[in-house]
Protein backbone atom coordinates (compact mmCIF):
# COMPACT_ATOMS: atom_id res chain seq x y z
CA MET A 1 -30.11 90.03 -5.10
CA LYS A 2 -27.90 89.70 -8.22
CA LYS A 3 -24.95 92.25 -8.46
CA LYS A 4 -21.73 93.01 -10.24
CA LEU A 5 -18.36 94.05 -9.18
CA LYS A 6 -16.53 97.16 -10.36
CA ALA A 7 -12.88 97.37 -11.02
CA SER A 8 -10.87 99.49 -8.68
CA GLY A 9 -7.15 99.58 -8.84
CA ASN A 10 -5.71 96.08 -8.12
CA GLY A 11 -8.99 94.90 -6.78
CA TRP A 12 -12.68 95.12 -7.00
CA GLU A 13 -15.41 97.22 -5.29
CA PHE A 14 -18.99 95.96 -4.48
CA TYR A 15 -21.66 98.63 -4.09
CA PHE A 16 -24.66 98.82 -1.86
CA SER A 17 -27.53 101.53 -1.72
CA LYS A 18 -27.70 103.60 1.29
CA PRO A 19 -31.40 102.67 2.05
CA LEU A 20 -30.28 98.92 2.05
CA LEU A 21 -27.51 99.62 4.43
CA LYS A 22 -29.72 101.76 6.73
CA LEU A 23 -32.41 98.91 6.64
CA LEU A 24 -29.70 96.47 7.92
CA GLY A 25 -28.82 98.94 10.70
CA TYR A 26 -25.44 100.08 9.17
CA ASP A 27 -24.35 103.58 9.13
CA PRO A 28 -22.15 103.55 5.97
CA LYS A 29 -20.53 106.88 6.80
CA GLU A 30 -19.36 105.75 10.42
CA ASP A 31 -19.52 102.03 10.67
CA LYS A 32 -16.64 99.61 9.84
CA VAL A 33 -17.18 96.02 8.81
CA LEU A 34 -15.48 92.77 9.27
CA ILE A 35 -14.97 90.75 6.09
CA THR A 36 -14.58 86.95 6.53
CA SER A 37 -14.78 84.03 4.14
CA LYS A 38 -15.84 80.42 4.65
CA ASN A 39 -16.97 77.81 2.10
CA GLY A 40 -16.62 79.93 -0.93
CA ALA A 41 -18.67 82.76 0.48
CA ILE A 42 -17.76 86.29 1.88
CA PHE A 43 -19.54 87.41 5.07
CA ILE A 44 -19.72 91.05 5.98
CA LYS A 45 -20.79 92.22 9.38
CA PRO A 46 -20.52 95.36 11.37
CA VAL A 47 -17.80 95.80 13.75
CA PHE A 48 -18.50 98.13 16.77
CA GLU A 49 -15.85 100.63 17.95
CA LYS A 50 -15.29 98.74 21.18
CA ASP A 51 -14.39 95.56 19.38
CA ILE A 52 -11.99 97.09 16.77
CA GLU A 53 -8.89 96.00 18.84
CA LYS A 54 -10.22 92.49 18.92
CA TYR A 55 -10.28 92.32 15.01
CA LYS A 56 -7.00 94.39 14.38
CA ASN A 57 -5.38 91.39 12.53
CA ASN A 58 -8.55 90.78 10.42
CA MET A 59 -9.89 92.38 7.33
CA VAL A 60 -11.82 95.44 8.74
CA ARG A 61 -13.00 97.86 6.10
CA THR A 62 -14.94 101.14 5.79
CA PHE A 63 -17.59 101.94 3.17
CA GLN A 64 -16.47 104.25 0.40
CA LYS A 65 -19.10 106.77 -1.00
CA SER A 66 -19.70 106.74 -4.66
CA GLY A 67 -22.76 108.86 -5.80
CA GLY A 68 -25.75 107.53 -3.99
CA SER A 69 -24.18 104.23 -3.12
CA PHE A 70 -21.43 103.00 -0.83
CA GLY A 71 -18.71 100.39 -1.74
CA ILE A 72 -16.51 98.01 -0.18
CA TYR A 73 -13.04 97.30 -1.62
CA PHE A 74 -12.21 93.59 -2.06
CA PRO A 75 -8.58 92.69 -2.86
CA ILE A 76 -8.19 90.15 -5.76
CA GLU A 77 -7.28 87.41 -3.20
CA LEU A 78 -10.85 87.62 -1.87
CA ILE A 79 -12.29 87.41 -5.36
CA GLU A 80 -10.22 84.30 -6.09
CA ILE A 81 -11.84 82.70 -2.98
CA LEU A 82 -15.21 82.95 -4.70
CA GLU A 83 -13.72 81.49 -7.83
CA ILE A 84 -15.22 84.16 -10.09
CA ASN A 85 -14.19 86.17 -13.02
CA PRO A 86 -15.36 89.56 -11.94
CA SER A 87 -15.40 90.79 -15.52
CA VAL A 88 -18.30 88.42 -16.47
CA ASP A 89 -19.61 86.85 -13.34
CA PHE A 90 -22.40 88.05 -11.08
CA LEU A 91 -22.61 87.73 -7.36
CA SER A 92 -25.46 86.77 -5.18
CA VAL A 93 -26.19 88.77 -2.06
CA GLU A 94 -28.18 87.28 0.78
CA ILE A 95 -29.05 88.89 4.12
CA ASP A 96 -28.84 86.98 7.32
CA GLU A 97 -30.13 89.34 10.04
CA ASN A 98 -27.46 92.09 9.60
CA ILE A 99 -24.82 90.00 7.96
CA LEU A 100 -24.26 90.30 4.17
CA VAL A 101 -23.48 86.89 2.50
CA ILE A 102 -21.78 87.24 -0.84
CA LYS A 103 -21.55 84.19 -3.20
CA LYS A 104 -21.02 83.43 -6.85
CA TYR A 105 -24.33 83.77 -8.73
CA LEU A 106 -25.24 80.75 -10.98
CA GLU A 107 -27.83 81.21 -13.70
CA ASN A 108 -29.83 78.28 -12.66
CA GLY A 109 -30.45 79.73 -9.22
CA ASN A 110 -28.16 77.51 -7.41
CA ILE A 111 -25.29 79.08 -5.58
């Protein structure tokens, strides 16, 4: 899936449709997600209420409603990890079970 970021204050937001999130087992109105990074990719996975304390020093976010979609705010530092220019570059979204994997999209299909 090829997607674009939207500017939001000092960072950027990434939007997902409610049906996609529901398909993955996310409740975008209630669930929190853990955002991590490794090898130039961002990983988003659900965090259950019982585990919130375990991740208190990590980047835990909630979805923000916008029209029929829900977004996650990414500070500029996270965007720099992906080595993208959010004004012109697209992102590739892959799904691994219920984890969203976001990487820089390259036109030749390689990520």
